[in-house]
Amino acid sequence: MIQVTRKDEREASENLIRRFNRKVMQSGILATVKAEQRFVKPISKIERRKKAIIRNERKNDKMKRIRLGVR
């Protein structure tokens, strides 16, 4: 998908760049490209849940240590 932005006669370059950036962000091109860069092998639901549980436990443990003032 190509984004075409034409400059008006009395339009400043900054405005043209801002308009172009807005069009690109709204089209979602960057989001799809970034998502495709990080390919993740498909894993089962059970494995995903296990990893999420471990992640949450580590996060909670870290927050608990921060609250106690222990690093």
Protein backbone atom coordinates (compact mmCIF):
# COMPACT_ATOMS: atom_id res chain seq x y z
CA MET A 1 0.00 0.00 0.00
CA ILE A 2 1.49 3.29 -1.08
CA GLN A 3 0.52 6.51 0.66
CA VAL A 4 0.37 9.45 -1.76
CA THR A 5 0.42 12.92 -0.28
CA ARG A 6 0.61 15.94 -2.57
CA LYS A 7 1.80 19.34 -1.46
CA ASP A 8 -0.58 22.26 -1.82
CA GLU A 9 0.70 25.56 -3.27
CA ARG A 10 1.15 27.46 0.01
CA GLU A 11 1.63 24.52 2.35
CA ALA A 12 4.68 24.32 4.58
CA SER A 13 6.87 21.25 4.45
CA GLU A 14 6.26 20.53 8.14
CA ASN A 15 2.51 20.39 7.53
CA LEU A 16 3.03 18.03 4.59
CA ILE A 17 5.17 15.69 6.72
CA ARG A 18 2.64 15.82 9.57
CA ARG A 19 -0.21 14.99 7.18
CA PHE A 20 1.75 12.11 5.65
CA ASN A 21 2.63 10.67 9.07
CA ARG A 22 -1.01 10.86 10.14
CA LYS A 23 -2.12 9.00 6.98
CA VAL A 24 0.46 6.27 7.55
CA MET A 25 -0.52 5.85 11.21
CA GLN A 26 -4.23 5.68 10.37
CA SER A 27 -3.71 3.12 7.60
CA GLY A 28 -2.02 0.70 10.02
CA ILE A 29 0.86 -0.11 7.69
CA LEU A 30 3.53 0.28 10.36
CA ALA A 31 1.66 -1.90 12.83
CA THR A 32 1.39 -4.76 10.36
CA VAL A 33 5.05 -4.49 9.33
CA LYS A 34 6.22 -4.49 12.94
CA ALA A 35 4.01 -7.48 13.71
CA GLU A 36 5.47 -9.40 10.78
CA GLN A 37 9.03 -8.67 11.91
CA ARG A 38 8.58 -10.63 15.10
CA PHE A 39 7.42 -14.05 13.96
CA VAL A 40 6.59 -16.31 16.85
CA LYS A 41 6.18 -20.04 16.45
CA PRO A 42 2.63 -21.12 17.19
CA ILE A 43 2.35 -22.79 20.58
CA SER A 44 -0.52 -24.56 22.28
CA LYS A 45 -3.00 -22.83 24.56
CA ILE A 46 -1.74 -24.78 27.56
CA GLU A 47 1.85 -23.62 27.01
CA ARG A 48 0.70 -20.02 26.55
CA ARG A 49 -1.28 -20.19 29.79
CA LYS A 50 1.68 -21.68 31.68
CA LYS A 51 3.97 -18.94 30.42
CA ALA A 52 1.41 -16.27 31.31
CA ILE A 53 1.07 -17.66 34.83
CA ILE A 54 4.85 -17.65 35.30
CA ARG A 55 5.06 -14.10 33.92
CA ASN A 56 2.35 -12.87 36.28
CA GLU A 57 3.98 -14.57 39.27
CA ARG A 58 7.33 -12.96 38.49
CA LYS A 59 5.69 -9.57 38.04
CA ASN A 60 3.79 -9.87 41.33
CA ASP A 61 6.95 -11.00 43.13
CA LYS A 62 8.86 -8.03 41.72
CA MET A 63 6.12 -5.58 42.74
CA LYS A 64 6.01 -7.10 46.23
CA ARG A 65 9.79 -6.63 46.59
CA ILE A 66 9.54 -3.04 45.39
CA ARG A 67 6.80 -2.29 47.92
CA LEU A 68 8.92 -3.77 50.70
CA GLY A 69 11.94 -1.78 49.55
CA VAL A 70 14.01 -4.88 48.87
CA ARG A 71 15.87 -5.17 45.61
